[in-house]
Amino acid sequence: MSTSKRINRTDGEWEELIKEFNASGLTQGVFCEQRGVNFHSFRRRYRRSPQFSGKRRKPSQKHFSRHQLCWI
């Protein structure tokens, strides 16, 4: 049974954690482990943050699309 306690952080606290993460040079997993932050909560907040916008991967062109078919 887990003894961890749920911590409700404010938007400002999440913003501060994200700034600290960006400056840390650590991976998200290591940063969260060192700070005692739930990894999945941090990842979700990070992806919603303005710092993350524009850093999303673009869709891969490797997938087959029926719209790419050419009929001769």
Protein backbone atom coordinates (compact mmCIF):
# COMPACT_ATOMS: atom_id res chain seq x y z
CA MET A 1 0.00 0.00 0.00
CA SER A 2 1.28 3.44 -0.95
CA THR A 3 1.85 5.99 1.78
CA SER A 4 2.30 8.96 -0.56
CA LYS A 5 0.10 11.97 0.06
CA ARG A 6 -1.55 13.87 -2.77
CA ILE A 7 -0.22 17.41 -3.13
CA ASN A 8 -2.40 20.01 -4.84
CA ARG A 9 -0.17 22.62 -6.46
CA THR A 10 -1.28 26.00 -7.74
CA ASP A 11 -0.70 27.05 -11.33
CA GLY A 12 2.10 29.30 -10.09
CA GLU A 13 3.80 26.40 -8.32
CA TRP A 14 3.63 24.31 -11.51
CA GLU A 15 5.08 27.19 -13.53
CA GLU A 16 7.96 27.48 -11.06
CA LEU A 17 8.62 23.72 -11.22
CA ILE A 18 8.65 23.85 -15.02
CA LYS A 19 11.13 26.76 -14.98
CA GLU A 20 13.35 24.82 -12.57
CA PHE A 21 13.12 21.75 -14.80
CA ASN A 22 14.08 23.71 -17.93
CA ALA A 23 17.12 25.14 -16.14
CA SER A 24 18.13 21.82 -14.57
CA GLY A 25 19.30 19.93 -17.66
CA LEU A 26 17.80 16.75 -16.17
CA THR A 27 15.34 14.37 -17.72
CA GLN A 28 11.75 14.68 -16.56
CA GLY A 29 11.98 11.37 -14.71
CA VAL A 30 15.11 12.29 -12.76
CA PHE A 31 13.85 15.80 -12.02
CA CYS A 32 10.54 14.47 -10.67
CA GLU A 33 12.24 11.80 -8.59
CA GLN A 34 14.59 14.34 -7.00
CA ARG A 35 11.77 16.82 -6.28
CA GLY A 36 9.20 14.24 -5.15
CA VAL A 37 6.82 15.19 -7.96
CA ASN A 38 4.50 12.71 -9.65
CA PHE A 39 5.99 12.11 -13.11
CA HIS A 40 2.68 11.77 -14.94
CA SER A 41 1.26 14.95 -13.39
CA PHE A 42 4.43 16.85 -14.27
CA ARG A 43 4.46 15.57 -17.85
CA ARG A 44 0.80 16.55 -18.34
CA ARG A 45 1.39 20.05 -16.93
CA TYR A 46 4.59 20.48 -18.95
CA ARG A 47 2.86 19.59 -22.21
CA ARG A 48 0.14 22.17 -21.48
CA SER A 49 2.64 24.90 -20.59
CA PRO A 50 3.60 27.80 -22.88
CA GLN A 51 7.26 26.69 -22.64
CA PHE A 52 6.35 23.49 -24.47
CA SER A 53 4.35 25.07 -27.30
CA GLY A 54 6.13 24.71 -30.61
CA LYS A 55 8.28 21.84 -29.36
CA ARG A 56 5.80 19.12 -30.28
CA ARG A 57 6.97 16.58 -32.78
CA LYS A 58 5.49 16.93 -36.23
CA PRO A 59 3.57 13.95 -37.59
CA SER A 60 5.74 11.37 -39.28
CA GLN A 61 5.39 10.91 -43.01
CA LYS A 62 6.27 7.22 -42.68
CA HIS A 63 2.68 6.16 -42.21
CA PHE A 64 0.76 4.99 -45.23
CA SER A 65 -2.10 7.23 -46.24
CA ARG A 66 -4.77 6.32 -48.72
CA HIS A 67 -4.66 9.94 -49.88
CA GLN A 68 -1.12 9.38 -51.14
CA LEU A 69 -2.26 6.79 -53.69
CA CYS A 70 -1.84 7.70 -57.31
CA TRP A 71 -4.06 6.01 -59.87
CA ILE A 72 -2.73 5.62 -63.40
